[in-house]
């Protein structure tokens, strides 16, 4: 995999930046395979800083959380086609189709996303899961135009949305620390239920539009 390239997203200012803070995202030279590399010593996560809180234990926890949710929802249309899971080296390989919605929307491509995203978010909610990785760079279209979602490490059960503080502290960048301040924190855990709501209503944007239109339907479910 020496010739595989790291994946970057377009930030709010239009420049390329790290896509996330949890694993090393790699794309094959033909752009047909994506690898989520959960080697805690990977270079990607230390490209700009030392990441002292990003330990083997933290990386392992998110790797296992990702595998669990990929397995739980493997029959869903929006789960990517998994090619291989290398448990020993902590690498997940799945089919890739070129570009994410982050790249397509940045380039102004006329791509429909609202209804497919709403279907995914509501289906997961009805299945008892908060998926906080709901950003454009966490979604892509397959060859049939079906939206797929990645970064399943960012899921928690609705009936128990607590994560130990050390895990969240390790992956949330300092520029987004205020997002953790919005949670109902205990001495040892973050309650991600409020973060989920705030993400949809205020922080996550697709083409400048919030996801409150989805959260409005969740309110009706409740």
C-alpha atoms as a PDB file:
ATOM      1  CA  UNK A   1       0.000   0.000   0.000  1.00  0.00           C
ATOM      2  CA  UNK A   2       3.005   2.276  -0.344  1.00  0.00           C
ATOM      3  CA  UNK A   3       1.416   4.070  -3.312  1.00  0.00           C
ATOM      4  CA  UNK A   4      -1.980   4.639  -1.651  1.00  0.00           C
ATOM      5  CA  UNK A   5      -2.798   8.289  -1.014  1.00  0.00           C
ATOM      6  CA  UNK A   6      -4.271   9.860   2.146  1.00  0.00           C
ATOM      7  CA  UNK A   7      -7.768  11.307   1.870  1.00  0.00           C
ATOM      8  CA  UNK A   8      -8.344  14.984   2.652  1.00  0.00           C
ATOM      9  CA  UNK A   9     -11.540  17.027   2.662  1.00  0.00           C
ATOM     10  CA  UNK A  10     -12.289  20.621   1.734  1.00  0.00           C
ATOM     11  CA  UNK A  11     -12.648  22.782   4.828  1.00  0.00           C
ATOM     12  CA  UNK A  12     -15.000  25.734   5.275  1.00  0.00           C
ATOM     13  CA  UNK A  13     -12.347  28.041   3.818  1.00  0.00           C
ATOM     14  CA  UNK A  14     -12.046  25.942   0.669  1.00  0.00           C
ATOM     15  CA  UNK A  15      -8.610  24.502   1.416  1.00  0.00           C
ATOM     16  CA  UNK A  16      -7.787  20.833   1.906  1.00  0.00           C
ATOM     17  CA  UNK A  17      -7.470  19.578   5.483  1.00  0.00           C
ATOM     18  CA  UNK A  18      -7.592  16.360   7.523  1.00  0.00           C
ATOM     19  CA  UNK A  19     -10.845  14.509   6.967  1.00  0.00           C
ATOM     20  CA  UNK A  20     -11.129  13.248  10.559  1.00  0.00           C
ATOM     21  CA  UNK A  21      -9.180  12.573  13.738  1.00  0.00           C
ATOM     22  CA  UNK A  22      -9.753   8.864  14.285  1.00  0.00           C
ATOM     23  CA  UNK A  23      -7.883   6.747  11.701  1.00  0.00           C
ATOM     24  CA  UNK A  24      -5.718   7.069   8.605  1.00  0.00           C
ATOM     25  CA  UNK A  25      -7.952   7.250   5.489  1.00  0.00           C
ATOM     26  CA  UNK A  26      -6.227   5.868   2.406  1.00  0.00           C
ATOM     27  CA  UNK A  27      -7.358   5.596  -1.209  1.00  0.00           C
ATOM     28  CA  UNK A  28      -5.966   3.169  -3.769  1.00  0.00           C
ATOM     29  CA  UNK A  29      -4.283   4.555  -6.922  1.00  0.00           C
ATOM     30  CA  UNK A  30      -7.297   3.608  -9.078  1.00  0.00           C
ATOM     31  CA  UNK A  31      -9.656   5.233  -6.509  1.00  0.00           C
ATOM     32  CA  UNK A  32     -11.727   2.044  -6.300  1.00  0.00           C
ATOM     33  CA  UNK A  33     -10.795   0.980  -2.757  1.00  0.00           C
ATOM     34  CA  UNK A  34     -10.800   2.862   0.534  1.00  0.00           C
ATOM     35  CA  UNK A  35      -8.864   1.758   3.605  1.00  0.00           C
ATOM     36  CA  UNK A  36      -9.604   2.859   7.153  1.00  0.00           C
ATOM     37  CA  UNK A  37      -6.262   2.189   8.815  1.00  0.00           C
ATOM     38  CA  UNK A  38      -6.607   2.011  12.594  1.00  0.00           C
ATOM     39  CA  UNK A  39      -2.894   1.729  13.272  1.00  0.00           C
ATOM     40  CA  UNK A  40      -2.598   4.148  16.178  1.00  0.00           C
ATOM     41  CA  UNK A  41       0.926   5.112  15.096  1.00  0.00           C
ATOM     42  CA  UNK A  42      -0.116   6.165  11.600  1.00  0.00           C
ATOM     43  CA  UNK A  43       1.454   9.342  10.210  1.00  0.00           C
ATOM     44  CA  UNK A  44      -1.795  10.958   9.079  1.00  0.00           C
ATOM     45  CA  UNK A  45      -2.992  11.703  12.600  1.00  0.00           C
ATOM     46  CA  UNK A  46       0.348  13.246  13.493  1.00  0.00           C
ATOM     47  CA  UNK A  47       0.786  15.295  10.354  1.00  0.00           C
ATOM     48  CA  UNK A  48       0.419  18.620  12.174  1.00  0.00           C
ATOM     49  CA  UNK A  49       0.615  17.819  15.890  1.00  0.00           C
ATOM     50  CA  UNK A  50       1.813  15.166  18.336  1.00  0.00           C
ATOM     51  CA  UNK A  51      -1.675  13.897  19.362  1.00  0.00           C
ATOM     52  CA  UNK A  52      -0.570  12.695  22.806  1.00  0.00           C
ATOM     53  CA  UNK A  53      -4.118  11.620  23.704  1.00  0.00           C
ATOM     54  CA  UNK A  54      -4.387   9.463  20.588  1.00  0.00           C
ATOM     55  CA  UNK A  55      -3.228   6.191  22.141  1.00  0.00           C
ATOM     56  CA  UNK A  56      -3.403   2.521  21.196  1.00  0.00           C
ATOM     57  CA  UNK A  57      -6.354   2.086  23.570  1.00  0.00           C
ATOM     58  CA  UNK A  58      -8.290   4.954  22.009  1.00  0.00           C
ATOM     59  CA  UNK A  59      -7.656   3.722  18.479  1.00  0.00           C
ATOM     60  CA  UNK A  60      -8.651   0.162  19.417  1.00  0.00           C
ATOM     61  CA  UNK A  61     -11.928   1.330  20.962  1.00  0.00           C
ATOM     62  CA  UNK A  62     -12.998   3.185  17.824  1.00  0.00           C
ATOM     63  CA  UNK A  63     -11.879   0.300  15.594  1.00  0.00           C
ATOM     64  CA  UNK A  64     -14.080  -2.097  17.524  1.00  0.00           C
ATOM     65  CA  UNK A  65     -16.980   0.365  17.524  1.00  0.00           C
ATOM     66  CA  UNK A  66     -16.695   0.721  13.757  1.00  0.00           C
ATOM     67  CA  UNK A  67     -16.651  -3.040  13.180  1.00  0.00           C
ATOM     68  CA  UNK A  68     -19.595  -3.547  15.504  1.00  0.00           C
ATOM     69  CA  UNK A  69     -21.807  -1.069  13.682  1.00  0.00           C
ATOM     70  CA  UNK A  70     -20.729  -2.194  10.215  1.00  0.00           C
ATOM     71  CA  UNK A  71     -21.769  -5.699  11.205  1.00  0.00           C
ATOM     72  CA  UNK A  72     -25.015  -4.557  12.823  1.00  0.00           C
ATOM     73  CA  UNK A  73     -26.163  -2.659   9.735  1.00  0.00           C
ATOM     74  CA  UNK A  74     -24.462  -4.746   7.019  1.00  0.00           C
ATOM     75  CA  UNK A  75     -27.726  -5.497   5.200  1.00  0.00           C
ATOM     76  CA  UNK A  76     -28.641  -1.831   4.794  1.00  0.00           C
ATOM     77  CA  UNK A  77     -28.415  -0.229   1.372  1.00  0.00           C
ATOM     78  CA  UNK A  78     -26.291   2.633   2.707  1.00  0.00           C
ATOM     79  CA  UNK A  79     -23.465   0.459   4.107  1.00  0.00           C
ATOM     80  CA  UNK A  80     -20.431   0.286   1.767  1.00  0.00           C
ATOM     81  CA  UNK A  81     -19.445  -3.042   0.280  1.00  0.00           C
ATOM     82  CA  UNK A  82     -16.797  -4.377   2.660  1.00  0.00           C
ATOM     83  CA  UNK A  83     -13.968  -6.087   0.817  1.00  0.00           C
ATOM     84  CA  UNK A  84     -11.891  -7.197   3.788  1.00  0.00           C
ATOM     85  CA  UNK A  85     -11.290  -6.557   7.474  1.00  0.00           C
ATOM     86  CA  UNK A  86      -7.731  -7.164   8.607  1.00  0.00           C
ATOM     87  CA  UNK A  87      -8.235  -7.611  12.346  1.00  0.00           C
ATOM     88  CA  UNK A  88      -4.556  -8.145  13.059  1.00  0.00           C
ATOM     89  CA  UNK A  89      -3.410  -4.891  11.455  1.00  0.00           C
ATOM     90  CA  UNK A  90      -6.702  -3.087  12.124  1.00  0.00           C
ATOM     91  CA  UNK A  91      -7.502  -2.159   8.542  1.00  0.00           C
ATOM     92  CA  UNK A  92     -10.944  -2.051   6.926  1.00  0.00           C
ATOM     93  CA  UNK A  93     -11.212  -2.125   3.129  1.00  0.00           C
ATOM     94  CA  UNK A  94     -14.341  -1.287   1.170  1.00  0.00           C
ATOM     95  CA  UNK A  95     -15.384  -0.360  -2.342  1.00  0.00           C
ATOM     96  CA  UNK A  96     -14.873   3.287  -3.208  1.00  0.00           C
ATOM     97  CA  UNK A  97     -16.363   5.254  -6.050  1.00  0.00           C
ATOM     98  CA  UNK A  98     -14.087   8.209  -6.499  1.00  0.00           C
ATOM     99  CA  UNK A  99     -15.333  11.154  -4.516  1.00  0.00           C
ATOM    100  CA  UNK A 100     -17.393  12.114  -1.485  1.00  0.00           C
ATOM    101  CA  UNK A 101     -20.185  14.660  -1.269  1.00  0.00           C
ATOM    102  CA  UNK A 102     -17.660  17.028   0.278  1.00  0.00           C
ATOM    103  CA  UNK A 103     -15.774  17.133  -2.991  1.00  0.00           C
ATOM    104  CA  UNK A 104     -18.849  17.123  -5.225  1.00  0.00           C
ATOM    105  CA  UNK A 105     -20.567  19.959  -3.362  1.00  0.00           C
ATOM    106  CA  UNK A 106     -17.321  21.944  -3.196  1.00  0.00           C
ATOM    107  CA  UNK A 107     -17.123  21.767  -6.982  1.00  0.00           C
ATOM    108  CA  UNK A 108     -20.764  22.805  -7.321  1.00  0.00           C
ATOM    109  CA  UNK A 109     -21.917  19.575  -8.918  1.00  0.00           C
ATOM    110  CA  UNK A 110     -25.731  19.308  -9.165  1.00  0.00           C
ATOM    111  CA  UNK A 111     -26.105  16.230  -7.011  1.00  0.00           C
ATOM    112  CA  UNK A 112     -29.218  15.360  -4.969  1.00  0.00           C
ATOM    113  CA  UNK A 113     -28.479  14.471  -1.373  1.00  0.00           C
ATOM    114  CA  UNK A 114     -31.304  15.628   0.902  1.00  0.00           C
ATOM    115  CA  UNK A 115     -33.736  12.724   0.582  1.00  0.00           C
ATOM    116  CA  UNK A 116     -31.122   9.966   0.685  1.00  0.00           C
ATOM    117  CA  UNK A 117     -29.409  11.511   3.701  1.00  0.00           C
ATOM    118  CA  UNK A 118     -32.742  11.876   5.475  1.00  0.00           C
ATOM    119  CA  UNK A 119     -33.539   8.237   4.805  1.00  0.00           C
ATOM    120  CA  UNK A 120     -30.216   7.132   6.299  1.00  0.00           C
ATOM    121  CA  UNK A 121     -30.443   9.313   9.396  1.00  0.00           C
ATOM    122  CA  UNK A 122     -34.051   8.402  10.162  1.00  0.00           C
ATOM    123  CA  UNK A 123     -33.473   4.705   9.530  1.00  0.00           C
ATOM    124  CA  UNK A 124     -30.555   4.660  11.944  1.00  0.00           C
ATOM    125  CA  UNK A 125     -32.516   6.641  14.510  1.00  0.00           C
ATOM    126  CA  UNK A 126     -35.433   4.217  14.276  1.00  0.00           C
ATOM    127  CA  UNK A 127     -32.934   1.393  14.782  1.00  0.00           C
ATOM    128  CA  UNK A 128     -31.807   3.008  18.045  1.00  0.00           C
ATOM    129  CA  UNK A 129     -28.558   4.564  16.850  1.00  0.00           C
ATOM    130  CA  UNK A 130     -27.137   8.074  16.839  1.00  0.00           C
ATOM    131  CA  UNK A 131     -24.574   8.399  14.024  1.00  0.00           C
ATOM    132  CA  UNK A 132     -22.672  11.605  14.662  1.00  0.00           C
ATOM    133  CA  UNK A 133     -20.455  11.298  11.597  1.00  0.00           C
ATOM    134  CA  UNK A 134     -23.071  12.865   9.337  1.00  0.00           C
ATOM    135  CA  UNK A 135     -20.810  15.186   7.345  1.00  0.00           C
ATOM    136  CA  UNK A 136     -20.579  15.386   3.520  1.00  0.00           C
ATOM    137  CA  UNK A 137     -17.118  13.779   3.558  1.00  0.00           C
ATOM    138  CA  UNK A 138     -18.630  10.754   5.322  1.00  0.00           C
ATOM    139  CA  UNK A 139     -20.895   9.981   2.353  1.00  0.00           C
ATOM    140  CA  UNK A 140     -20.459   9.044  -1.288  1.00  0.00           C
ATOM    141  CA  UNK A 141     -22.497   7.665  -4.193  1.00  0.00           C
ATOM    142  CA  UNK A 142     -21.957   4.168  -5.539  1.00  0.00           C
ATOM    143  CA  UNK A 143     -22.098   3.326  -9.253  1.00  0.00           C
ATOM    144  CA  UNK A 144     -25.897   3.039  -9.050  1.00  0.00           C
ATOM    145  CA  UNK A 145     -26.367   6.448  -7.450  1.00  0.00           C
ATOM    146  CA  UNK A 146     -27.046   5.025  -3.974  1.00  0.00           C
ATOM    147  CA  UNK A 147     -25.671   7.036  -1.062  1.00  0.00           C
ATOM    148  CA  UNK A 148     -23.246   5.176   1.187  1.00  0.00           C
ATOM    149  CA  UNK A 149     -22.078   6.340   4.593  1.00  0.00           C
ATOM    150  CA  UNK A 150     -18.712   5.661   6.243  1.00  0.00           C
ATOM    151  CA  UNK A 151     -17.054   6.418   9.602  1.00  0.00           C
ATOM    152  CA  UNK A 152     -19.191   4.085  11.669  1.00  0.00           C
ATOM    153  CA  UNK A 153     -16.901   4.625  14.639  1.00  0.00           C
ATOM    154  CA  UNK A 154     -19.067   7.674  15.381  1.00  0.00           C
ATOM    155  CA  UNK A 155     -22.151   5.715  16.484  1.00  0.00           C
ATOM    156  CA  UNK A 156     -23.670   5.361  19.945  1.00  0.00           C
ATOM    157  CA  UNK A 157     -26.879   3.696  21.181  1.00  0.00           C
ATOM    158  CA  UNK A 158     -29.774   6.081  21.742  1.00  0.00           C
ATOM    159  CA  UNK A 159     -30.595   4.396  25.042  1.00  0.00           C
ATOM    160  CA  UNK A 160     -27.012   4.770  26.295  1.00  0.00           C
ATOM    161  CA  UNK A 161     -25.265   7.663  24.504  1.00  0.00           C
ATOM    162  CA  UNK A 162     -22.346   7.870  26.928  1.00  0.00           C
ATOM    163  CA  UNK A 163     -18.698   7.700  25.864  1.00  0.00           C
ATOM    164  CA  UNK A 164     -15.738   7.893  28.185  1.00  0.00           C
ATOM    165  CA  UNK A 165     -14.229  11.352  28.098  1.00  0.00           C
ATOM    166  CA  UNK A 166     -10.763  10.066  27.177  1.00  0.00           C
ATOM    167  CA  UNK A 167     -12.033   8.766  23.837  1.00  0.00           C
ATOM    168  CA  UNK A 168     -13.770  11.964  22.776  1.00  0.00           C
ATOM    169  CA  UNK A 169     -10.981  14.181  24.104  1.00  0.00           C
ATOM    170  CA  UNK A 170      -8.551  12.280  21.885  1.00  0.00           C
ATOM    171  CA  UNK A 171     -10.395  12.752  18.583  1.00  0.00           C
ATOM    172  CA  UNK A 172     -12.082  16.154  18.793  1.00  0.00           C
ATOM    173  CA  UNK A 173      -9.834  18.891  17.440  1.00  0.00           C
ATOM    174  CA  UNK A 174      -9.248  21.978  19.554  1.00  0.00           C
ATOM    175  CA  UNK A 175     -11.196  24.074  17.047  1.00  0.00           C
ATOM    176  CA  UNK A 176     -14.274  21.968  17.826  1.00  0.00           C
ATOM    177  CA  UNK A 177     -13.870  21.693  21.593  1.00  0.00           C
ATOM    178  CA  UNK A 178     -16.957  23.831  22.046  1.00  0.00           C
ATOM    179  CA  UNK A 179     -18.950  20.914  20.665  1.00  0.00           C
ATOM    180  CA  UNK A 180     -17.983  18.856  23.708  1.00  0.00           C
ATOM    181  CA  UNK A 181     -18.893  21.747  25.985  1.00  0.00           C
ATOM    182  CA  UNK A 182     -22.433  21.474  24.627  1.00  0.00           C
ATOM    183  CA  UNK A 183     -22.843  17.909  25.889  1.00  0.00           C
ATOM    184  CA  UNK A 184     -24.337  16.894  29.233  1.00  0.00           C
ATOM    185  CA  UNK A 185     -21.000  15.817  30.639  1.00  0.00           C
ATOM    186  CA  UNK A 186     -20.468  13.799  33.799  1.00  0.00           C
ATOM    187  CA  UNK A 187     -17.150  13.559  35.627  1.00  0.00           C
ATOM    188  CA  UNK A 188     -16.042  10.669  33.422  1.00  0.00           C
ATOM    189  CA  UNK A 189     -18.252  10.607  30.324  1.00  0.00           C
ATOM    190  CA  UNK A 190     -19.735  12.726  27.565  1.00  0.00           C
ATOM    191  CA  UNK A 191     -23.428  12.312  26.801  1.00  0.00           C
ATOM    192  CA  UNK A 192     -23.584  12.600  23.016  1.00  0.00           C
ATOM    193  CA  UNK A 193     -27.354  12.948  22.748  1.00  0.00           C
ATOM    194  CA  UNK A 194     -27.193  16.742  22.840  1.00  0.00           C
ATOM    195  CA  UNK A 195     -24.187  16.786  20.497  1.00  0.00           C
ATOM    196  CA  UNK A 196     -26.281  14.834  17.993  1.00  0.00           C
ATOM    197  CA  UNK A 197     -29.079  17.408  18.152  1.00  0.00           C
ATOM    198  CA  UNK A 198     -26.725  20.382  17.972  1.00  0.00           C
ATOM    199  CA  UNK A 199     -24.906  18.820  15.028  1.00  0.00           C
ATOM    200  CA  UNK A 200     -28.086  18.493  13.010  1.00  0.00           C
ATOM    201  CA  UNK A 201     -29.583  21.836  13.911  1.00  0.00           C
ATOM    202  CA  UNK A 202     -26.526  24.082  14.031  1.00  0.00           C
ATOM    203  CA  UNK A 203     -23.115  22.700  13.131  1.00  0.00           C
ATOM    204  CA  UNK A 204     -23.202  20.212  10.260  1.00  0.00           C
ATOM    205  CA  UNK A 205     -23.776  21.905   6.903  1.00  0.00           C
ATOM    206  CA  UNK A 206     -24.414  20.431   3.476  1.00  0.00           C
ATOM    207  CA  UNK A 207     -24.141  23.073   0.742  1.00  0.00           C
ATOM    208  CA  UNK A 208     -24.700  25.684   3.439  1.00  0.00           C
ATOM    209  CA  UNK A 209     -27.885  23.981   4.674  1.00  0.00           C
ATOM    210  CA  UNK A 210     -28.272  22.525   8.163  1.00  0.00           C
ATOM    211  CA  UNK A 211     -29.845  19.140   8.833  1.00  0.00           C
ATOM    212  CA  UNK A 212     -32.616  20.573  10.990  1.00  0.00           C
ATOM    213  CA  UNK A 213     -35.110  19.448   8.340  1.00  0.00           C
ATOM    214  CA  UNK A 214     -34.211  15.895   9.383  1.00  0.00           C
ATOM    215  CA  UNK A 215     -34.283  16.620  13.092  1.00  0.00           C
ATOM    216  CA  UNK A 216     -37.757  18.124  12.689  1.00  0.00           C
ATOM    217  CA  UNK A 217     -38.975  14.671  11.663  1.00  0.00           C
ATOM    218  CA  UNK A 218     -37.190  13.070  14.617  1.00  0.00           C
ATOM    219  CA  UNK A 219     -39.164  15.415  16.876  1.00  0.00           C
ATOM    220  CA  UNK A 220     -42.346  14.014  15.392  1.00  0.00           C
ATOM    221  CA  UNK A 221     -41.166  10.457  16.050  1.00  0.00           C
ATOM    222  CA  UNK A 222     -40.761  11.365  19.697  1.00  0.00           C
END
